[in-house]
Amino acid sequence: MARADLAELRGLLEADRERTRDLISALTGNFSSIVEAARLTATDDEHDPEGATIAFERSQTSALLLAATTHLADVDLALERITNGTHGQCERCAQSISPERLLARPAARTCITCAS
């Protein structure tokens, strides 16, 4: 990839990293609030009508937090690959990942063929 393209990808990844860190922070706060609210109200998830809602919110927030954490790891790995010169190479077939795919998904680890 051209140096200008790598600089653009680095910028996209760094912006994505910042947004994802903010999201993780917000989700962590939400999760803590849900757990604290459940602790203070002493609900019984099995018998309390509100318990199912609290359990759902806790589960949903936990899943979103896991997804954001995984995405942050992918972004960090992509930034590392830019630094070591391997970004843009498919991890499965070792072919180049198209610039269009990288612009759409800067943290992509595989070409479109291997991703299908």
PDB file of N, CA and C in Angstrom:
ATOM      1  N   MET A   1       0.840  -1.188   0.000  1.00  0.00           N
ATOM      2  CA  MET A   1       0.000   0.000   0.000  1.00  0.00           C
ATOM      3  C   MET A   1       0.879   1.244   0.000  1.00  0.00           C
ATOM      4  N   ALA A   2       0.353   2.287  -0.585  1.00  0.00           N
ATOM      5  CA  ALA A   2       1.075   3.556  -0.613  1.00  0.00           C
ATOM      6  C   ALA A   2       1.108   4.164   0.788  1.00  0.00           C
ATOM      7  N   ARG A   3       2.130   4.931   1.028  1.00  0.00           N
ATOM      8  CA  ARG A   3       2.305   5.560   2.339  1.00  0.00           C
ATOM      9  C   ARG A   3       1.110   6.441   2.710  1.00  0.00           C
ATOM     10  N   ALA A   4       0.562   7.172   1.727  1.00  0.00           N
ATOM     11  CA  ALA A   4      -0.598   8.039   1.973  1.00  0.00           C
ATOM     12  C   ALA A   4      -1.816   7.204   2.370  1.00  0.00           C
ATOM     13  N   ASP A   5      -1.993   6.054   1.716  1.00  0.00           N
ATOM     14  CA  ASP A   5      -3.108   5.170   2.047  1.00  0.00           C
ATOM     15  C   ASP A   5      -2.965   4.635   3.466  1.00  0.00           C
ATOM     16  N   LEU A   6      -1.746   4.259   3.843  1.00  0.00           N
ATOM     17  CA  LEU A   6      -1.501   3.765   5.200  1.00  0.00           C
ATOM     18  C   LEU A   6      -1.748   4.859   6.229  1.00  0.00           C
ATOM     19  N   ALA A   7      -1.378   6.091   5.903  1.00  0.00           N
ATOM     20  CA  ALA A   7      -1.622   7.206   6.818  1.00  0.00           C
ATOM     21  C   ALA A   7      -3.122   7.428   7.002  1.00  0.00           C
ATOM     22  N   GLU A   8      -3.871   7.306   5.897  1.00  0.00           N
ATOM     23  CA  GLU A   8      -5.327   7.453   5.984  1.00  0.00           C
ATOM     24  C   GLU A   8      -5.928   6.328   6.829  1.00  0.00           C
ATOM     25  N   LEU A   9      -5.476   5.097   6.599  1.00  0.00           N
ATOM     26  CA  LEU A   9      -5.973   3.968   7.380  1.00  0.00           C
ATOM     27  C   LEU A   9      -5.629   4.122   8.857  1.00  0.00           C
ATOM     28  N   ARG A  10      -4.404   4.570   9.142  1.00  0.00           N
ATOM     29  CA  ARG A  10      -4.012   4.793  10.535  1.00  0.00           C
ATOM     30  C   ARG A  10      -4.946   5.816  11.194  1.00  0.00           C
ATOM     31  N   GLY A  11      -5.251   6.883  10.474  1.00  0.00           N
ATOM     32  CA  GLY A  11      -6.170   7.898  11.001  1.00  0.00           C
ATOM     33  C   GLY A  11      -7.553   7.335  11.273  1.00  0.00           C
ATOM     34  N   LEU A  12      -8.058   6.529  10.331  1.00  0.00           N
ATOM     35  CA  LEU A  12      -9.369   5.891  10.521  1.00  0.00           C
ATOM     36  C   LEU A  12      -9.352   4.956  11.727  1.00  0.00           C
ATOM     37  N   LEU A  13      -8.285   4.180  11.852  1.00  0.00           N
ATOM     38  CA  LEU A  13      -8.175   3.231  12.953  1.00  0.00           C
ATOM     39  C   LEU A  13      -8.040   3.945  14.302  1.00  0.00           C
ATOM     40  N   GLU A  14      -7.268   5.009  14.330  1.00  0.00           N
ATOM     41  CA  GLU A  14      -7.106   5.741  15.585  1.00  0.00           C
ATOM     42  C   GLU A  14      -8.414   6.390  16.018  1.00  0.00           C
ATOM     43  N   ALA A  15      -9.177   6.925  15.057  1.00  0.00           N
ATOM     44  CA  ALA A  15     -10.487   7.492  15.378  1.00  0.00           C
ATOM     45  C   ALA A  15     -11.438   6.397  15.859  1.00  0.00           C
ATOM     46  N   ASP A  16     -11.407   5.248  15.193  1.00  0.00           N
ATOM     47  CA  ASP A  16     -12.231   4.106  15.591  1.00  0.00           C
ATOM     48  C   ASP A  16     -11.847   3.637  16.991  1.00  0.00           C
ATOM     49  N   ARG A  17     -10.559   3.611  17.259  1.00  0.00           N
ATOM     50  CA  ARG A  17     -10.068   3.192  18.578  1.00  0.00           C
ATOM     51  C   ARG A  17     -10.606   4.119  19.668  1.00  0.00           C
ATOM     52  N   GLU A  18     -10.576   5.410  19.420  1.00  0.00           N
ATOM     53  CA  GLU A  18     -11.070   6.380  20.407  1.00  0.00           C
ATOM     54  C   GLU A  18     -12.572   6.204  20.637  1.00  0.00           C
ATOM     55  N   ARG A  19     -13.337   6.056  19.543  1.00  0.00           N
ATOM     56  CA  ARG A  19     -14.789   5.846  19.683  1.00  0.00           C
ATOM     57  C   ARG A  19     -15.078   4.559  20.448  1.00  0.00           C
ATOM     58  N   THR A  20     -14.330   3.515  20.139  1.00  0.00           N
ATOM     59  CA  THR A  20     -14.562   2.226  20.793  1.00  0.00           C
ATOM     60  C   THR A  20     -14.196   2.295  22.271  1.00  0.00           C
ATOM     61  N   ARG A  21     -13.124   2.983  22.605  1.00  0.00           N
ATOM     62  CA  ARG A  21     -12.760   3.149  24.023  1.00  0.00           C
ATOM     63  C   ARG A  21     -13.844   3.917  24.769  1.00  0.00           C
ATOM     64  N   ASP A  22     -14.405   4.953  24.122  1.00  0.00           N
ATOM     65  CA  ASP A  22     -15.498   5.708  24.739  1.00  0.00           C
ATOM     66  C   ASP A  22     -16.722   4.810  24.944  1.00  0.00           C
ATOM     67  N   LEU A  23     -17.016   3.987  23.943  1.00  0.00           N
ATOM     68  CA  LEU A  23     -18.141   3.060  24.043  1.00  0.00           C
ATOM     69  C   LEU A  23     -17.926   2.068  25.181  1.00  0.00           C
ATOM     70  N   ILE A  24     -16.732   1.526  25.288  1.00  0.00           N
ATOM     71  CA  ILE A  24     -16.422   0.577  26.370  1.00  0.00           C
ATOM     72  C   ILE A  24     -16.593   1.249  27.723  1.00  0.00           C
ATOM     73  N   SER A  25     -16.142   2.465  27.835  1.00  0.00           N
ATOM     74  CA  SER A  25     -16.290   3.208  29.092  1.00  0.00           C
ATOM     75  C   SER A  25     -17.764   3.402  29.442  1.00  0.00           C
ATOM     76  N   ALA A  26     -18.561   3.794  28.454  1.00  0.00           N
ATOM     77  CA  ALA A  26     -19.990   4.002  28.691  1.00  0.00           C
ATOM     78  C   ALA A  26     -20.690   2.692  29.046  1.00  0.00           C
ATOM     79  N   LEU A  27     -20.382   1.632  28.317  1.00  0.00           N
ATOM     80  CA  LEU A  27     -21.007   0.340  28.590  1.00  0.00           C
ATOM     81  C   LEU A  27     -20.603  -0.200  29.960  1.00  0.00           C
ATOM     82  N   THR A  28     -19.355   0.016  30.341  1.00  0.00           N
ATOM     83  CA  THR A  28     -18.902  -0.417  31.661  1.00  0.00           C
ATOM     84  C   THR A  28     -19.682   0.316  32.745  1.00  0.00           C
ATOM     85  N   GLY A  29     -19.879   1.608  32.553  1.00  0.00           N
ATOM     86  CA  GLY A  29     -20.686   2.381  33.498  1.00  0.00           C
ATOM     87  C   GLY A  29     -22.125   1.910  33.544  1.00  0.00           C
ATOM     88  N   ASN A  30     -22.702   1.632  32.369  1.00  0.00           N
ATOM     89  CA  ASN A  30     -24.080   1.121  32.322  1.00  0.00           C
ATOM     90  C   ASN A  30     -24.187  -0.221  33.034  1.00  0.00           C
ATOM     91  N   PHE A  31     -23.233  -1.104  32.774  1.00  0.00           N
ATOM     92  CA  PHE A  31     -23.264  -2.425  33.390  1.00  0.00           C
ATOM     93  C   PHE A  31     -23.170  -2.296  34.910  1.00  0.00           C
ATOM     94  N   SER A  32     -22.281  -1.446  35.375  1.00  0.00           N
ATOM     95  CA  SER A  32     -22.136  -1.238  36.819  1.00  0.00           C
ATOM     96  C   SER A  32     -23.417  -0.689  37.420  1.00  0.00           C
ATOM     97  N   SER A  33     -24.065   0.231  36.711  1.00  0.00           N
ATOM     98  CA  SER A  33     -25.327   0.792  37.194  1.00  0.00           C
ATOM     99  C   SER A  33     -26.420  -0.260  37.275  1.00  0.00           C
ATOM    100  N   ILE A  34     -26.486  -1.117  36.272  1.00  0.00           N
ATOM    101  CA  ILE A  34     -27.501  -2.182  36.267  1.00  0.00           C
ATOM    102  C   ILE A  34     -27.268  -3.133  37.436  1.00  0.00           C
ATOM    103  N   VAL A  35     -26.032  -3.535  37.629  1.00  0.00           N
ATOM    104  CA  VAL A  35     -25.705  -4.453  38.727  1.00  0.00           C
ATOM    105  C   VAL A  35     -26.000  -3.795  40.061  1.00  0.00           C
ATOM    106  N   GLU A  36     -25.624  -2.536  40.209  1.00  0.00           N
ATOM    107  CA  GLU A  36     -25.863  -1.822  41.470  1.00  0.00           C
ATOM    108  C   GLU A  36     -27.357  -1.655  41.729  1.00  0.00           C
ATOM    109  N   ALA A  37     -28.116  -1.306  40.697  1.00  0.00           N
ATOM    110  CA  ALA A  37     -29.566  -1.148  40.857  1.00  0.00           C
ATOM    111  C   ALA A  37     -30.207  -2.469  41.264  1.00  0.00           C
ATOM    112  N   ALA A  38     -29.755  -3.551  40.661  1.00  0.00           N
ATOM    113  CA  ALA A  38     -30.303  -4.867  41.006  1.00  0.00           C
ATOM    114  C   ALA A  38     -29.945  -5.238  42.444  1.00  0.00           C
ATOM    115  N   ARG A  39     -28.752  -4.876  42.872  1.00  0.00           N
ATOM    116  CA  ARG A  39     -28.324  -5.184  44.233  1.00  0.00           C
ATOM    117  C   ARG A  39     -29.140  -4.389  45.245  1.00  0.00           C
ATOM    118  N   LEU A  40     -29.422  -3.137  44.940  1.00  0.00           N
ATOM    119  CA  LEU A  40     -30.133  -2.278  45.879  1.00  0.00           C
ATOM    120  C   LEU A  40     -31.616  -2.616  45.981  1.00  0.00           C
ATOM    121  N   THR A  41     -32.200  -3.130  44.903  1.00  0.00           N
ATOM    122  CA  THR A  41     -33.628  -3.416  44.933  1.00  0.00           C
ATOM    123  C   THR A  41     -33.932  -4.841  45.350  1.00  0.00           C
ATOM    124  N   ALA A  42     -32.927  -5.661  45.474  1.00  0.00           N
ATOM    125  CA  ALA A  42     -33.087  -7.049  45.914  1.00  0.00           C
ATOM    126  C   ALA A  42     -34.158  -7.778  45.110  1.00  0.00           C
ATOM    127  N   THR A  43     -34.101  -7.650  43.787  1.00  0.00           N
ATOM    128  CA  THR A  43     -35.064  -8.342  42.942  1.00  0.00           C
ATOM    129  C   THR A  43     -34.686  -9.809  42.816  1.00  0.00           C
ATOM    130  N   ASP A  44     -35.686 -10.585  42.546  1.00  0.00           N
ATOM    131  CA  ASP A  44     -35.506 -12.019  42.305  1.00  0.00           C
ATOM    132  C   ASP A  44     -35.783 -12.234  40.828  1.00  0.00           C
ATOM    133  N   ASP A  45     -34.725 -12.448  40.039  1.00  0.00           N
ATOM    134  CA  ASP A  45     -34.872 -12.569  38.586  1.00  0.00           C
ATOM    135  C   ASP A  45     -35.907 -13.607  38.182  1.00  0.00           C
ATOM    136  N   GLU A  46     -36.064 -14.623  38.970  1.00  0.00           N
ATOM    137  CA  GLU A  46     -36.957 -15.715  38.600  1.00  0.00           C
ATOM    138  C   GLU A  46     -38.417 -15.404  38.902  1.00  0.00           C
ATOM    139  N   HIS A  47     -38.687 -14.688  39.991  1.00  0.00           N
ATOM    140  CA  HIS A  47     -40.074 -14.488  40.411  1.00  0.00           C
ATOM    141  C   HIS A  47     -40.569 -13.054  40.289  1.00  0.00           C
ATOM    142  N   ASP A  48     -39.712 -12.100  40.228  1.00  0.00           N
ATOM    143  CA  ASP A  48     -40.090 -10.699  40.133  1.00  0.00           C
ATOM    144  C   ASP A  48     -40.333 -10.338  38.674  1.00  0.00           C
ATOM    145  N   PRO A  49     -41.474  -9.696  38.346  1.00  0.00           N
ATOM    146  CA  PRO A  49     -41.737  -9.315  36.957  1.00  0.00           C
ATOM    147  C   PRO A  49     -40.648  -8.409  36.375  1.00  0.00           C
ATOM    148  N   GLU A  50     -40.022  -7.590  37.187  1.00  0.00           N
ATOM    149  CA  GLU A  50     -38.942  -6.727  36.723  1.00  0.00           C
ATOM    150  C   GLU A  50     -37.632  -7.489  36.583  1.00  0.00           C
ATOM    151  N   GLY A  51     -37.532  -8.641  37.196  1.00  0.00           N
ATOM    152  CA  GLY A  51     -36.297  -9.418  37.166  1.00  0.00           C
ATOM    153  C   GLY A  51     -35.876  -9.806  35.770  1.00  0.00           C
ATOM    154  N   ALA A  52     -36.823 -10.184  34.946  1.00  0.00           N
ATOM    155  CA  ALA A  52     -36.496 -10.578  33.569  1.00  0.00           C
ATOM    156  C   ALA A  52     -35.939  -9.397  32.791  1.00  0.00           C
ATOM    157  N   THR A  53     -36.486  -8.215  33.016  1.00  0.00           N
ATOM    158  CA  THR A  53     -36.004  -7.019  32.343  1.00  0.00           C
ATOM    159  C   THR A  53     -34.580  -6.695  32.775  1.00  0.00           C
ATOM    160  N   ILE A  54     -34.334  -6.785  34.072  1.00  0.00           N
ATOM    161  CA  ILE A  54     -33.000  -6.502  34.596  1.00  0.00           C
ATOM    162  C   ILE A  54     -31.996  -7.522  34.055  1.00  0.00           C
ATOM    163  N   ALA A  55     -32.380  -8.783  34.045  1.00  0.00           N
ATOM    164  CA  ALA A  55     -31.495  -9.824  33.523  1.00  0.00           C
ATOM    165  C   ALA A  55     -31.212  -9.599  32.043  1.00  0.00           C
ATOM    166  N   PHE A  56     -32.240  -9.209  31.281  1.00  0.00           N
ATOM    167  CA  PHE A  56     -32.049  -8.939  29.861  1.00  0.00           C
ATOM    168  C   PHE A  56     -31.098  -7.767  29.656  1.00  0.00           C
ATOM    169  N   GLU A  57     -31.306  -6.676  30.394  1.00  0.00           N
ATOM    170  CA  GLU A  57     -30.442  -5.499  30.263  1.00  0.00           C
ATOM    171  C   GLU A  57     -29.001  -5.832  30.626  1.00  0.00           C
ATOM    172  N   ARG A  58     -28.833  -6.600  31.683  1.00  0.00           N
ATOM    173  CA  ARG A  58     -27.483  -6.998  32.093  1.00  0.00           C
ATOM    174  C   ARG A  58     -26.829  -7.865  31.010  1.00  0.00           C
ATOM    175  N   SER A  59     -27.574  -8.802  30.466  1.00  0.00           N
ATOM    176  CA  SER A  59     -27.059  -9.686  29.428  1.00  0.00           C
ATOM    177  C   SER A  59     -26.743  -8.919  28.147  1.00  0.00           C
ATOM    178  N   GLN A  60     -27.629  -8.037  27.745  1.00  0.00           N
ATOM    179  CA  GLN A  60     -27.419  -7.253  26.530  1.00  0.00           C
ATOM    180  C   GLN A  60     -26.200  -6.343  26.676  1.00  0.00           C
ATOM    181  N   THR A  61     -26.092  -5.674  27.793  1.00  0.00           N
ATOM    182  CA  THR A  61     -24.949  -4.788  28.019  1.00  0.00           C
ATOM    183  C   THR A  61     -23.650  -5.575  28.054  1.00  0.00           C
ATOM    184  N   SER A  62     -23.689  -6.738  28.659  1.00  0.00           N
ATOM    185  CA  SER A  62     -22.504  -7.594  28.723  1.00  0.00           C
ATOM    186  C   SER A  62     -22.079  -8.034  27.316  1.00  0.00           C
ATOM    187  N   ALA A  63     -23.031  -8.389  26.483  1.00  0.00           N
ATOM    188  CA  ALA A  63     -22.729  -8.808  25.106  1.00  0.00           C
ATOM    189  C   ALA A  63     -22.161  -7.647  24.288  1.00  0.00           C
ATOM    190  N   LEU A  64     -22.733  -6.470  24.448  1.00  0.00           N
ATOM    191  CA  LEU A  64     -22.227  -5.291  23.731  1.00  0.00           C
ATOM    192  C   LEU A  64     -20.817  -4.935  24.201  1.00  0.00           C
ATOM    193  N   LEU A  65     -20.574  -5.087  25.486  1.00  0.00           N
ATOM    194  CA  LEU A  65     -19.248  -4.813  26.040  1.00  0.00           C
ATOM    195  C   LEU A  65     -18.218  -5.798  25.493  1.00  0.00           C
ATOM    196  N   LEU A  66     -18.576  -7.057  25.412  1.00  0.00           N
ATOM    197  CA  LEU A  66     -17.680  -8.068  24.849  1.00  0.00           C
ATOM    198  C   LEU A  66     -17.376  -7.765  23.377  1.00  0.00           C
ATOM    199  N   ALA A  67     -18.399  -7.403  22.611  1.00  0.00           N
ATOM    200  CA  ALA A  67     -18.208  -7.086  21.190  1.00  0.00           C
ATOM    201  C   ALA A  67     -17.291  -5.868  21.023  1.00  0.00           C
ATOM    202  N   ALA A  68     -17.490  -4.853  21.844  1.00  0.00           N
ATOM    203  CA  ALA A  68     -16.658  -3.650  21.755  1.00  0.00           C
ATOM    204  C   ALA A  68     -15.217  -3.956  22.152  1.00  0.00           C
ATOM    205  N   THR A  69     -15.026  -4.774  23.158  1.00  0.00           N
ATOM    206  CA  THR A  69     -13.684  -5.144  23.591  1.00  0.00           C
ATOM    207  C   THR A  69     -12.963  -5.948  22.510  1.00  0.00           C
ATOM    208  N   THR A  70     -13.682  -6.853  21.870  1.00  0.00           N
ATOM    209  CA  THR A  70     -13.113  -7.639  20.773  1.00  0.00           C
ATOM    210  C   THR A  70     -12.747  -6.728  19.601  1.00  0.00           C
ATOM    211  N   HIS A  71     -13.627  -5.785  19.297  1.00  0.00           N
ATOM    212  CA  HIS A  71     -13.354  -4.851  18.198  1.00  0.00           C
ATOM    213  C   HIS A  71     -12.120  -4.003  18.512  1.00  0.00           C
ATOM    214  N   LEU A  72     -11.998  -3.552  19.753  1.00  0.00           N
ATOM    215  CA  LEU A  72     -10.829  -2.757  20.135  1.00  0.00           C
ATOM    216  C   LEU A  72      -9.540  -3.562  19.940  1.00  0.00           C
ATOM    217  N   ALA A  73      -9.574  -4.834  20.281  1.00  0.00           N
ATOM    218  CA  ALA A  73      -8.402  -5.693  20.073  1.00  0.00           C
ATOM    219  C   ALA A  73      -8.074  -5.803  18.587  1.00  0.00           C
ATOM    220  N   ASP A  74      -9.104  -5.909  17.730  1.00  0.00           N
ATOM    221  CA  ASP A  74      -8.888  -5.966  16.279  1.00  0.00           C
ATOM    222  C   ASP A  74      -8.278  -4.664  15.759  1.00  0.00           C
ATOM    223  N   VAL A  75      -8.755  -3.538  16.262  1.00  0.00           N
ATOM    224  CA  VAL A  75      -8.218  -2.238  15.846  1.00  0.00           C
ATOM    225  C   VAL A  75      -6.763  -2.106  16.286  1.00  0.00           C
ATOM    226  N   ASP A  76      -6.479  -2.496  17.526  1.00  0.00           N
ATOM    227  CA  ASP A  76      -5.096  -2.437  18.019  1.00  0.00           C
ATOM    228  C   ASP A  76      -4.174  -3.329  17.184  1.00  0.00           C
ATOM    229  N   LEU A  77      -4.669  -4.505  16.815  1.00  0.00           N
ATOM    230  CA  LEU A  77      -3.876  -5.407  15.982  1.00  0.00           C
ATOM    231  C   LEU A  77      -3.624  -4.798  14.604  1.00  0.00           C
ATOM    232  N   ALA A  78      -4.629  -4.150  14.036  1.00  0.00           N
ATOM    233  CA  ALA A  78      -4.457  -3.500  12.728  1.00  0.00           C
ATOM    234  C   ALA A  78      -3.420  -2.380  12.815  1.00  0.00           C
ATOM    235  N   LEU A  79      -3.453  -1.604  13.887  1.00  0.00           N
ATOM    236  CA  LEU A  79      -2.448  -0.551  14.069  1.00  0.00           C
ATOM    237  C   LEU A  79      -1.051  -1.147  14.203  1.00  0.00           C
ATOM    238  N   GLU A  80      -0.964  -2.272  14.890  1.00  0.00           N
ATOM    239  CA  GLU A  80       0.324  -2.964  15.023  1.00  0.00           C
ATOM    240  C   GLU A  80       0.808  -3.463  13.657  1.00  0.00           C
ATOM    241  N   ARG A  81      -0.128  -3.986  12.847  1.00  0.00           N
ATOM    242  CA  ARG A  81       0.245  -4.480  11.522  1.00  0.00           C
ATOM    243  C   ARG A  81       0.708  -3.347  10.612  1.00  0.00           C
ATOM    244  N   ILE A  82       0.114  -2.156  10.768  1.00  0.00           N
ATOM    245  CA  ILE A  82       0.589  -1.011   9.985  1.00  0.00           C
ATOM    246  C   ILE A  82       2.034  -0.710  10.378  1.00  0.00           C
ATOM    247  N   THR A  83       2.299  -0.730  11.677  1.00  0.00           N
ATOM    248  CA  THR A  83       3.647  -0.434  12.171  1.00  0.00           C
ATOM    249  C   THR A  83       4.672  -1.445  11.668  1.00  0.00           C
ATOM    250  N   ASN A  84       4.302  -2.733  11.662  1.00  0.00           N
ATOM    251  CA  ASN A  84       5.291  -3.743  11.248  1.00  0.00           C
ATOM    252  C   ASN A  84       5.244  -4.068   9.751  1.00  0.00           C
ATOM    253  N   GLY A  85       4.387  -3.358   9.000  1.00  0.00           N
ATOM    254  CA  GLY A  85       4.382  -3.498   7.546  1.00  0.00           C
ATOM    255  C   GLY A  85       3.590  -4.661   6.989  1.00  0.00           C
ATOM    256  N   THR A  86       2.746  -5.286   7.785  1.00  0.00           N
ATOM    257  CA  THR A  86       1.965  -6.422   7.285  1.00  0.00           C
ATOM    258  C   THR A  86       0.481  -6.101   7.088  1.00  0.00           C
ATOM    259  N   HIS A  87       0.082  -4.874   7.347  1.00  0.00           N
ATOM    260  CA  HIS A  87      -1.330  -4.513   7.183  1.00  0.00           C
ATOM    261  C   HIS A  87      -1.687  -4.539   5.706  1.00  0.00           C
ATOM    262  N   GLY A  88      -2.851  -5.086   5.407  1.00  0.00           N
ATOM    263  CA  GLY A  88      -3.298  -5.177   4.025  1.00  0.00           C
ATOM    264  C   GLY A  88      -3.007  -6.518   3.386  1.00  0.00           C
ATOM    265  N   GLN A  89      -2.446  -7.438   4.171  1.00  0.00           N
ATOM    266  CA  GLN A  89      -2.169  -8.792   3.685  1.00  0.00           C
ATOM    267  C   GLN A  89      -3.125  -9.753   4.389  1.00  0.00           C
ATOM    268  N   CYS A  90      -3.831 -10.562   3.609  1.00  0.00           N
ATOM    269  CA  CYS A  90      -4.802 -11.511   4.145  1.00  0.00           C
ATOM    270  C   CYS A  90      -4.100 -12.533   5.049  1.00  0.00           C
ATOM    271  N   GLU A  91      -4.666 -12.751   6.223  1.00  0.00           N
ATOM    272  CA  GLU A  91      -4.092 -13.715   7.160  1.00  0.00           C
ATOM    273  C   GLU A  91      -4.294 -15.160   6.721  1.00  0.00           C
ATOM    274  N   ARG A  92      -5.243 -15.416   5.829  1.00  0.00           N
ATOM    275  CA  ARG A  92      -5.508 -16.791   5.390  1.00  0.00           C
ATOM    276  C   ARG A  92      -4.738 -17.168   4.133  1.00  0.00           C
ATOM    277  N   CYS A  93      -4.835 -16.323   3.090  1.00  0.00           N
ATOM    278  CA  CYS A  93      -4.240 -16.695   1.804  1.00  0.00           C
ATOM    279  C   CYS A  93      -2.984 -15.890   1.466  1.00  0.00           C
ATOM    280  N   ALA A  94      -2.656 -14.914   2.275  1.00  0.00           N
ATOM    281  CA  ALA A  94      -1.470 -14.059   2.116  1.00  0.00           C
ATOM    282  C   ALA A  94      -1.547 -13.126   0.906  1.00  0.00           C
ATOM    283  N   GLN A  95      -2.705 -13.047   0.246  1.00  0.00           N
ATOM    284  CA  GLN A  95      -2.875 -12.107  -0.861  1.00  0.00           C
ATOM    285  C   GLN A  95      -3.183 -10.720  -0.294  1.00  0.00           C
ATOM    286  N   SER A  96      -3.075  -9.724  -1.141  1.00  0.00           N
ATOM    287  CA  SER A  96      -3.383  -8.359  -0.715  1.00  0.00           C
ATOM    288  C   SER A  96      -4.886  -8.186  -0.514  1.00  0.00           C
ATOM    289  N   ILE A  97      -5.221  -7.449   0.521  1.00  0.00           N
ATOM    290  CA  ILE A  97      -6.616  -7.067   0.760  1.00  0.00           C
ATOM    291  C   ILE A  97      -6.850  -5.797  -0.047  1.00  0.00           C
ATOM    292  N   SER A  98      -7.955  -5.737  -0.768  1.00  0.00           N
ATOM    293  CA  SER A  98      -8.209  -4.592  -1.640  1.00  0.00           C
ATOM    294  C   SER A  98      -8.298  -3.296  -0.822  1.00  0.00           C
ATOM    295  N   PRO A  99      -7.789  -2.205  -1.395  1.00  0.00           N
ATOM    296  CA  PRO A  99      -7.863  -0.914  -0.698  1.00  0.00           C
ATOM    297  C   PRO A  99      -9.303  -0.513  -0.359  1.00  0.00           C
ATOM    298  N   GLU A 100     -10.242  -0.868  -1.249  1.00  0.00           N
ATOM    299  CA  GLU A 100     -11.649  -0.533  -0.992  1.00  0.00           C
ATOM    300  C   GLU A 100     -12.150  -1.237   0.274  1.00  0.00           C
ATOM    301  N   ARG A 101     -11.782  -2.501   0.442  1.00  0.00           N
ATOM    302  CA  ARG A 101     -12.188  -3.240   1.654  1.00  0.00           C
ATOM    303  C   ARG A 101     -11.555  -2.615   2.890  1.00  0.00           C
ATOM    304  N   LEU A 102     -10.284  -2.249   2.781  1.00  0.00           N
ATOM    305  CA  LEU A 102      -9.606  -1.663   3.940  1.00  0.00           C
ATOM    306  C   LEU A 102     -10.183  -0.301   4.298  1.00  0.00           C
ATOM    307  N   LEU A 103     -10.616   0.466   3.300  1.00  0.00           N
ATOM    308  CA  LEU A 103     -11.256   1.750   3.608  1.00  0.00           C
ATOM    309  C   LEU A 103     -12.611   1.542   4.278  1.00  0.00           C
ATOM    310  N   ALA A 104     -13.314   0.499   3.853  1.00  0.00           N
ATOM    311  CA  ALA A 104     -14.615   0.200   4.456  1.00  0.00           C
ATOM    312  C   ALA A 104     -14.471  -0.440   5.833  1.00  0.00           C
ATOM    313  N   ARG A 105     -13.467  -1.303   5.975  1.00  0.00           N
ATOM    314  CA  ARG A 105     -13.208  -2.013   7.237  1.00  0.00           C
ATOM    315  C   ARG A 105     -11.707  -1.971   7.515  1.00  0.00           C
ATOM    316  N   PRO A 106     -11.222  -0.873   8.059  1.00  0.00           N
ATOM    317  CA  PRO A 106      -9.774  -0.722   8.240  1.00  0.00           C
ATOM    318  C   PRO A 106      -9.119  -1.814   9.076  1.00  0.00           C
ATOM    319  N   ALA A 107      -9.875  -2.470   9.933  1.00  0.00           N
ATOM    320  CA  ALA A 107      -9.302  -3.527  10.768  1.00  0.00           C
ATOM    321  C   ALA A 107      -9.429  -4.905  10.139  1.00  0.00           C
ATOM    322  N   ALA A 108      -9.840  -4.967   8.863  1.00  0.00           N
ATOM    323  CA  ALA A 108     -10.031  -6.255   8.180  1.00  0.00           C
ATOM    324  C   ALA A 108      -8.738  -7.068   8.212  1.00  0.00           C
ATOM    325  N   ARG A 109      -8.884  -8.357   8.519  1.00  0.00           N
ATOM    326  CA  ARG A 109      -7.724  -9.255   8.584  1.00  0.00           C
ATOM    327  C   ARG A 109      -7.673 -10.211   7.405  1.00  0.00           C
ATOM    328  N   THR A 110      -8.759 -10.269   6.644  1.00  0.00           N
ATOM    329  CA  THR A 110      -8.826 -11.186   5.500  1.00  0.00           C
ATOM    330  C   THR A 110      -9.341 -10.457   4.270  1.00  0.00           C
ATOM    331  N   CYS A 111      -8.990 -10.997   3.118  1.00  0.00           N
ATOM    332  CA  CYS A 111      -9.529 -10.471   1.861  1.00  0.00           C
ATOM    333  C   CYS A 111     -11.008 -10.842   1.784  1.00  0.00           C
ATOM    334  N   ILE A 112     -11.692 -10.257   0.828  1.00  0.00           N
ATOM    335  CA  ILE A 112     -13.143 -10.514   0.713  1.00  0.00           C
ATOM    336  C   ILE A 112     -13.425 -11.958   0.365  1.00  0.00           C
ATOM    337  N   THR A 113     -12.564 -12.602  -0.419  1.00  0.00           N
ATOM    338  CA  THR A 113     -12.758 -14.013  -0.782  1.00  0.00           C
ATOM    339  C   THR A 113     -12.686 -14.895   0.453  1.00  0.00           C
ATOM    340  N   CYS A 114     -11.681 -14.689   1.280  1.00  0.00           N
ATOM    341  CA  CYS A 114     -11.517 -15.519   2.486  1.00  0.00           C
ATOM    342  C   CYS A 114     -12.546 -15.174   3.561  1.00  0.00           C
ATOM    343  N   ALA A 115     -13.081 -13.968   3.530  1.00  0.00           N
ATOM    344  CA  ALA A 115     -14.076 -13.570   4.515  1.00  0.00           C
ATOM    345  C   ALA A 115     -15.443 -14.164   4.200  1.00  0.00           C
ATOM    346  N   SER A 116     -15.647 -14.579   2.957  1.00  0.00           N
ATOM    347  CA  SER A 116     -16.960 -15.109   2.521  1.00  0.00           C
ATOM    348  C   SER A 116     -17.157 -16.535   2.978  1.00  0.00           C
TER     349      SER A 116
END
